[in-house]
Amino acid sequence: MPKTNFLGATLRLKCLAGHNEKNEPKFAIKTYRNLNGTHTTAGLVAVAKAIASLSSQPLDSIMKQETTELS
């Protein structure tokens, strides 16, 4: 039976940084690495919103990327 081994996760906060000359949105992405596998989705969203509240840029999206090893 195949196994999966959690190696790590990354949390990305995408914020609106303004608009260019064509009035298209420009985004800034802040990355937080080395998350462990025990964090819940609700917990990560709460932390991301708390971090975003410290910024003057509005939060556009929250992304989580996991890395696993398959064997």
PDB file of N, CA and C in Angstrom:
ATOM      1  N   MET A   1       0.845  -1.181   0.000  1.00  0.00           N
ATOM      2  CA  MET A   1       0.000   0.000   0.000  1.00  0.00           C
ATOM      3  C   MET A   1       0.893   1.248   0.000  1.00  0.00           C
ATOM      4  N   PRO A   2       0.605   2.228  -0.855  1.00  0.00           N
ATOM      5  CA  PRO A   2       1.409   3.459  -0.913  1.00  0.00           C
ATOM      6  C   PRO A   2       1.312   4.257   0.389  1.00  0.00           C
ATOM      7  N   LYS A   3       2.411   4.933   0.711  1.00  0.00           N
ATOM      8  CA  LYS A   3       2.464   5.765   1.912  1.00  0.00           C
ATOM      9  C   LYS A   3       2.739   7.210   1.516  1.00  0.00           C
ATOM     10  N   THR A   4       2.260   8.119   2.344  1.00  0.00           N
ATOM     11  CA  THR A   4       2.591   9.533   2.177  1.00  0.00           C
ATOM     12  C   THR A   4       3.308  10.006   3.435  1.00  0.00           C
ATOM     13  N   ASN A   5       4.296  10.838   3.243  1.00  0.00           N
ATOM     14  CA  ASN A   5       5.067  11.390   4.345  1.00  0.00           C
ATOM     15  C   ASN A   5       5.035  12.915   4.222  1.00  0.00           C
ATOM     16  N   PHE A   6       4.429  13.584   5.180  1.00  0.00           N
ATOM     17  CA  PHE A   6       4.338  15.046   5.184  1.00  0.00           C
ATOM     18  C   PHE A   6       5.732  15.631   5.389  1.00  0.00           C
ATOM     19  N   LEU A   7       6.160  16.509   4.500  1.00  0.00           N
ATOM     20  CA  LEU A   7       7.474  17.135   4.612  1.00  0.00           C
ATOM     21  C   LEU A   7       7.408  18.578   5.102  1.00  0.00           C
ATOM     22  N   GLY A   8       6.352  19.284   4.742  1.00  0.00           N
ATOM     23  CA  GLY A   8       6.233  20.669   5.172  1.00  0.00           C
ATOM     24  C   GLY A   8       5.107  21.378   4.457  1.00  0.00           C
ATOM     25  N   ALA A   9       4.841  22.600   4.888  1.00  0.00           N
ATOM     26  CA  ALA A   9       3.780  23.398   4.276  1.00  0.00           C
ATOM     27  C   ALA A   9       4.190  24.861   4.269  1.00  0.00           C
ATOM     28  N   THR A  10       3.586  25.604   3.358  1.00  0.00           N
ATOM     29  CA  THR A  10       3.846  27.030   3.196  1.00  0.00           C
ATOM     30  C   THR A  10       2.516  27.766   3.175  1.00  0.00           C
ATOM     31  N   LEU A  11       2.442  28.878   3.878  1.00  0.00           N
ATOM     32  CA  LEU A  11       1.257  29.725   3.896  1.00  0.00           C
ATOM     33  C   LEU A  11       1.594  31.004   3.145  1.00  0.00           C
ATOM     34  N   ARG A  12       0.730  31.379   2.194  1.00  0.00           N
ATOM     35  CA  ARG A  12       0.944  32.595   1.406  1.00  0.00           C
ATOM     36  C   ARG A  12      -0.235  33.536   1.565  1.00  0.00           C
ATOM     37  N   LEU A  13       0.079  34.787   1.834  1.00  0.00           N
ATOM     38  CA  LEU A  13      -0.937  35.829   1.926  1.00  0.00           C
ATOM     39  C   LEU A  13      -0.773  36.747   0.729  1.00  0.00           C
ATOM     40  N   LYS A  14      -1.817  36.871  -0.070  1.00  0.00           N
ATOM     41  CA  LYS A  14      -1.789  37.709  -1.269  1.00  0.00           C
ATOM     42  C   LYS A  14      -2.591  38.976  -0.972  1.00  0.00           C
ATOM     43  N   CYS A  15      -1.913  40.114  -1.038  1.00  0.00           N
ATOM     44  CA  CYS A  15      -2.543  41.400  -0.719  1.00  0.00           C
ATOM     45  C   CYS A  15      -2.545  42.311  -1.935  1.00  0.00           C
ATOM     46  N   LEU A  16      -3.542  43.141  -2.014  1.00  0.00           N
ATOM     47  CA  LEU A  16      -3.636  44.134  -3.086  1.00  0.00           C
ATOM     48  C   LEU A  16      -2.658  45.271  -2.775  1.00  0.00           C
ATOM     49  N   ALA A  17      -1.692  45.474  -3.683  1.00  0.00           N
ATOM     50  CA  ALA A  17      -0.651  46.481  -3.449  1.00  0.00           C
ATOM     51  C   ALA A  17      -0.896  47.762  -4.227  1.00  0.00           C
ATOM     52  N   GLY A  18      -1.967  47.815  -4.994  1.00  0.00           N
ATOM     53  CA  GLY A  18      -2.270  49.005  -5.773  1.00  0.00           C
ATOM     54  C   GLY A  18      -2.686  48.636  -7.180  1.00  0.00           C
ATOM     55  N   HIS A  19      -2.625  49.608  -8.070  1.00  0.00           N
ATOM     56  CA  HIS A  19      -3.012  49.393  -9.464  1.00  0.00           C
ATOM     57  C   HIS A  19      -1.947  49.990 -10.370  1.00  0.00           C
ATOM     58  N   ASN A  20      -1.780  49.394 -11.544  1.00  0.00           N
ATOM     59  CA  ASN A  20      -0.822  49.927 -12.507  1.00  0.00           C
ATOM     60  C   ASN A  20      -1.488  51.001 -13.359  1.00  0.00           C
ATOM     61  N   GLU A  21      -0.769  51.485 -14.374  1.00  0.00           N
ATOM     62  CA  GLU A  21      -1.292  52.568 -15.206  1.00  0.00           C
ATOM     63  C   GLU A  21      -2.516  52.179 -16.023  1.00  0.00           C
ATOM     64  N   LYS A  22      -2.731  50.873 -16.232  1.00  0.00           N
ATOM     65  CA  LYS A  22      -3.919  50.385 -16.943  1.00  0.00           C
ATOM     66  C   LYS A  22      -5.059  50.044 -15.980  1.00  0.00           C
ATOM     67  N   ASN A  23      -4.900  50.436 -14.735  1.00  0.00           N
ATOM     68  CA  ASN A  23      -5.870  50.182 -13.668  1.00  0.00           C
ATOM     69  C   ASN A  23      -6.056  48.691 -13.387  1.00  0.00           C
ATOM     70  N   GLU A  24      -5.019  47.891 -13.661  1.00  0.00           N
ATOM     71  CA  GLU A  24      -5.034  46.471 -13.321  1.00  0.00           C
ATOM     72  C   GLU A  24      -4.432  46.316 -11.929  1.00  0.00           C
ATOM     73  N   PRO A  25      -4.960  45.406 -11.136  1.00  0.00           N
ATOM     74  CA  PRO A  25      -4.450  45.265  -9.768  1.00  0.00           C
ATOM     75  C   PRO A  25      -3.021  44.714  -9.733  1.00  0.00           C
ATOM     76  N   LYS A  26      -2.237  45.226  -8.796  1.00  0.00           N
ATOM     77  CA  LYS A  26      -0.899  44.709  -8.508  1.00  0.00           C
ATOM     78  C   LYS A  26      -0.984  44.035  -7.144  1.00  0.00           C
ATOM     79  N   PHE A  27      -0.317  42.898  -7.009  1.00  0.00           N
ATOM     80  CA  PHE A  27      -0.396  42.137  -5.770  1.00  0.00           C
ATOM     81  C   PHE A  27       0.978  41.974  -5.140  1.00  0.00           C
ATOM     82  N   ALA A  28       0.991  41.869  -3.826  1.00  0.00           N
ATOM     83  CA  ALA A  28       2.190  41.546  -3.055  1.00  0.00           C
ATOM     84  C   ALA A  28       1.896  40.235  -2.335  1.00  0.00           C
ATOM     85  N   ILE A  29       2.857  39.326  -2.354  1.00  0.00           N
ATOM     86  CA  ILE A  29       2.669  38.032  -1.698  1.00  0.00           C
ATOM     87  C   ILE A  29       3.710  37.877  -0.598  1.00  0.00           C
ATOM     88  N   LYS A  30       3.242  37.565   0.594  1.00  0.00           N
ATOM     89  CA  LYS A  30       4.111  37.299   1.743  1.00  0.00           C
ATOM     90  C   LYS A  30       4.026  35.808   2.033  1.00  0.00           C
ATOM     91  N   THR A  31       5.176  35.153   2.146  1.00  0.00           N
ATOM     92  CA  THR A  31       5.231  33.707   2.335  1.00  0.00           C
ATOM     93  C   THR A  31       5.747  33.371   3.729  1.00  0.00           C
ATOM     94  N   TYR A  32       5.087  32.442   4.383  1.00  0.00           N
ATOM     95  CA  TYR A  32       5.498  31.928   5.686  1.00  0.00           C
ATOM     96  C   TYR A  32       5.756  30.434   5.525  1.00  0.00           C
ATOM     97  N   ARG A  33       6.989  30.017   5.777  1.00  0.00           N
ATOM     98  CA  ARG A  33       7.398  28.632   5.543  1.00  0.00           C
ATOM     99  C   ARG A  33       7.482  27.850   6.848  1.00  0.00           C
ATOM    100  N   ASN A  34       7.750  26.563   6.702  1.00  0.00           N
ATOM    101  CA  ASN A  34       8.007  25.647   7.818  1.00  0.00           C
ATOM    102  C   ASN A  34       6.799  25.433   8.723  1.00  0.00           C
ATOM    103  N   LEU A  35       5.605  25.390   8.142  1.00  0.00           N
ATOM    104  CA  LEU A  35       4.425  25.035   8.926  1.00  0.00           C
ATOM    105  C   LEU A  35       4.447  23.532   9.158  1.00  0.00           C
ATOM    106  N   ASN A  36       3.935  23.100  10.276  1.00  0.00           N
ATOM    107  CA  ASN A  36       3.852  21.653  10.484  1.00  0.00           C
ATOM    108  C   ASN A  36       2.463  21.146  10.102  1.00  0.00           C
ATOM    109  N   GLY A  37       2.292  19.851  10.090  1.00  0.00           N
ATOM    110  CA  GLY A  37       1.053  19.257   9.615  1.00  0.00           C
ATOM    111  C   GLY A  37      -0.091  19.250  10.600  1.00  0.00           C
ATOM    112  N   THR A  38       0.105  19.779  11.788  1.00  0.00           N
ATOM    113  CA  THR A  38      -0.942  19.720  12.812  1.00  0.00           C
ATOM    114  C   THR A  38      -1.877  20.921  12.790  1.00  0.00           C
ATOM    115  N   HIS A  39      -1.578  21.922  11.977  1.00  0.00           N
ATOM    116  CA  HIS A  39      -2.415  23.121  11.930  1.00  0.00           C
ATOM    117  C   HIS A  39      -3.724  22.829  11.191  1.00  0.00           C
ATOM    118  N   THR A  40      -4.811  23.325  11.744  1.00  0.00           N
ATOM    119  CA  THR A  40      -6.109  23.167  11.092  1.00  0.00           C
ATOM    120  C   THR A  40      -6.329  24.304  10.095  1.00  0.00           C
ATOM    121  N   THR A  41      -7.226  24.086   9.167  1.00  0.00           N
ATOM    122  CA  THR A  41      -7.554  25.122   8.189  1.00  0.00           C
ATOM    123  C   THR A  41      -8.122  26.353   8.884  1.00  0.00           C
ATOM    124  N   ALA A  42      -8.996  26.151   9.840  1.00  0.00           N
ATOM    125  CA  ALA A  42      -9.585  27.277  10.570  1.00  0.00           C
ATOM    126  C   ALA A  42      -8.512  28.062  11.324  1.00  0.00           C
ATOM    127  N   GLY A  43      -7.561  27.366  11.907  1.00  0.00           N
ATOM    128  CA  GLY A  43      -6.474  28.026  12.616  1.00  0.00           C
ATOM    129  C   GLY A  43      -5.596  28.847  11.697  1.00  0.00           C
ATOM    130  N   LEU A  44      -5.274  28.290  10.519  1.00  0.00           N
ATOM    131  CA  LEU A  44      -4.446  29.017   9.558  1.00  0.00           C
ATOM    132  C   LEU A  44      -5.157  30.252   9.026  1.00  0.00           C
ATOM    133  N   VAL A  45      -6.452  30.144   8.772  1.00  0.00           N
ATOM    134  CA  VAL A  45      -7.221  31.297   8.296  1.00  0.00           C
ATOM    135  C   VAL A  45      -7.255  32.383   9.372  1.00  0.00           C
ATOM    136  N   ALA A  46      -7.441  31.995  10.617  1.00  0.00           N
ATOM    137  CA  ALA A  46      -7.474  32.971  11.712  1.00  0.00           C
ATOM    138  C   ALA A  46      -6.129  33.685  11.842  1.00  0.00           C
ATOM    139  N   VAL A  47      -5.036  32.937  11.753  1.00  0.00           N
ATOM    140  CA  VAL A  47      -3.706  33.539  11.851  1.00  0.00           C
ATOM    141  C   VAL A  47      -3.449  34.455  10.657  1.00  0.00           C
ATOM    142  N   ALA A  48      -3.820  34.005   9.462  1.00  0.00           N
ATOM    143  CA  ALA A  48      -3.612  34.812   8.256  1.00  0.00           C
ATOM    144  C   ALA A  48      -4.381  36.131   8.339  1.00  0.00           C
ATOM    145  N   LYS A  49      -5.602  36.078   8.811  1.00  0.00           N
ATOM    146  CA  LYS A  49      -6.397  37.306   8.946  1.00  0.00           C
ATOM    147  C   LYS A  49      -5.815  38.229  10.012  1.00  0.00           C
ATOM    148  N   ALA A  50      -5.276  37.650  11.087  1.00  0.00           N
ATOM    149  CA  ALA A  50      -4.656  38.469  12.133  1.00  0.00           C
ATOM    150  C   ALA A  50      -3.402  39.154  11.596  1.00  0.00           C
ATOM    151  N   ILE A  51      -2.584  38.426  10.838  1.00  0.00           N
ATOM    152  CA  ILE A  51      -1.388  39.015  10.237  1.00  0.00           C
ATOM    153  C   ILE A  51      -1.792  40.112   9.248  1.00  0.00           C
ATOM    154  N   ALA A  52      -2.786  39.834   8.418  1.00  0.00           N
ATOM    155  CA  ALA A  52      -3.235  40.804   7.412  1.00  0.00           C
ATOM    156  C   ALA A  52      -3.798  42.069   8.055  1.00  0.00           C
ATOM    157  N   SER A  53      -4.378  41.940   9.232  1.00  0.00           N
ATOM    158  CA  SER A  53      -4.944  43.122   9.892  1.00  0.00           C
ATOM    159  C   SER A  53      -3.858  44.107  10.319  1.00  0.00           C
ATOM    160  N   LEU A  54      -2.609  43.649  10.392  1.00  0.00           N
ATOM    161  CA  LEU A  54      -1.498  44.526  10.752  1.00  0.00           C
ATOM    162  C   LEU A  54      -0.973  45.319   9.559  1.00  0.00           C
ATOM    163  N   SER A  55      -1.424  44.976   8.369  1.00  0.00           N
ATOM    164  CA  SER A  55      -0.959  45.613   7.145  1.00  0.00           C
ATOM    165  C   SER A  55      -1.963  46.660   6.670  1.00  0.00           C
ATOM    166  N   SER A  56      -1.463  47.644   5.946  1.00  0.00           N
ATOM    167  CA  SER A  56      -2.350  48.651   5.361  1.00  0.00           C
ATOM    168  C   SER A  56      -2.931  48.166   4.033  1.00  0.00           C
ATOM    169  N   GLN A  57      -2.383  47.073   3.489  1.00  0.00           N
ATOM    170  CA  GLN A  57      -2.862  46.524   2.221  1.00  0.00           C
ATOM    171  C   GLN A  57      -3.985  45.515   2.473  1.00  0.00           C
ATOM    172  N   PRO A  58      -5.078  45.577   1.720  1.00  0.00           N
ATOM    173  CA  PRO A  58      -6.180  44.632   1.934  1.00  0.00           C
ATOM    174  C   PRO A  58      -5.809  43.214   1.483  1.00  0.00           C
ATOM    175  N   LEU A  59      -6.255  42.241   2.242  1.00  0.00           N
ATOM    176  CA  LEU A  59      -5.994  40.830   1.944  1.00  0.00           C
ATOM    177  C   LEU A  59      -6.874  40.384   0.787  1.00  0.00           C
ATOM    178  N   ASP A  60      -6.256  39.759  -0.223  1.00  0.00           N
ATOM    179  CA  ASP A  60      -6.986  39.262  -1.381  1.00  0.00           C
ATOM    180  C   ASP A  60      -7.266  37.762  -1.246  1.00  0.00           C
ATOM    181  N   SER A  61      -6.246  36.981  -0.869  1.00  0.00           N
ATOM    182  CA  SER A  61      -6.456  35.538  -0.739  1.00  0.00           C
ATOM    183  C   SER A  61      -5.423  34.924   0.192  1.00  0.00           C
ATOM    184  N   ILE A  62      -5.763  33.733   0.675  1.00  0.00           N
ATOM    185  CA  ILE A  62      -4.901  32.941   1.551  1.00  0.00           C
ATOM    186  C   ILE A  62      -4.670  31.606   0.854  1.00  0.00           C
ATOM    187  N   MET A  63      -3.403  31.210   0.725  1.00  0.00           N
ATOM    188  CA  MET A  63      -3.078  29.952   0.053  1.00  0.00           C
ATOM    189  C   MET A  63      -2.188  29.096   0.951  1.00  0.00           C
ATOM    190  N   LYS A  64      -2.440  27.797   0.913  1.00  0.00           N
ATOM    191  CA  LYS A  64      -1.603  26.849   1.643  1.00  0.00           C
ATOM    192  C   LYS A  64      -1.094  25.823   0.644  1.00  0.00           C
ATOM    193  N   GLN A  65       0.213  25.570   0.672  1.00  0.00           N
ATOM    194  CA  GLN A  65       0.817  24.590  -0.219  1.00  0.00           C
ATOM    195  C   GLN A  65       1.533  23.562   0.646  1.00  0.00           C
ATOM    196  N   GLU A  66       1.178  22.292   0.458  1.00  0.00           N
ATOM    197  CA  GLU A  66       1.799  21.204   1.210  1.00  0.00           C
ATOM    198  C   GLU A  66       2.748  20.427   0.325  1.00  0.00           C
ATOM    199  N   THR A  67       3.821  19.941   0.926  1.00  0.00           N
ATOM    200  CA  THR A  67       4.761  19.077   0.230  1.00  0.00           C
ATOM    201  C   THR A  67       4.753  17.723   0.926  1.00  0.00           C
ATOM    202  N   THR A  68       4.499  16.675   0.152  1.00  0.00           N
ATOM    203  CA  THR A  68       4.492  15.316   0.687  1.00  0.00           C
ATOM    204  C   THR A  68       5.370  14.426  -0.170  1.00  0.00           C
ATOM    205  N   GLU A  69       5.896  13.411   0.460  1.00  0.00           N
ATOM    206  CA  GLU A  69       6.700  12.409  -0.237  1.00  0.00           C
ATOM    207  C   GLU A  69       5.850  11.168  -0.397  1.00  0.00           C
ATOM    208  N   LEU A  70       5.791  10.646  -1.593  1.00  0.00           N
ATOM    209  CA  LEU A  70       5.008   9.458  -1.867  1.00  0.00           C
ATOM    210  C   LEU A  70       5.941   8.263  -2.016  1.00  0.00           C
ATOM    211  N   SER A  71       5.576   7.152  -1.399  1.00  0.00           N
ATOM    212  CA  SER A  71       6.382   5.937  -1.544  1.00  0.00           C
ATOM    213  C   SER A  71       5.520   4.717  -1.567  1.00  0.00           C
TER     214      SER A  71
END
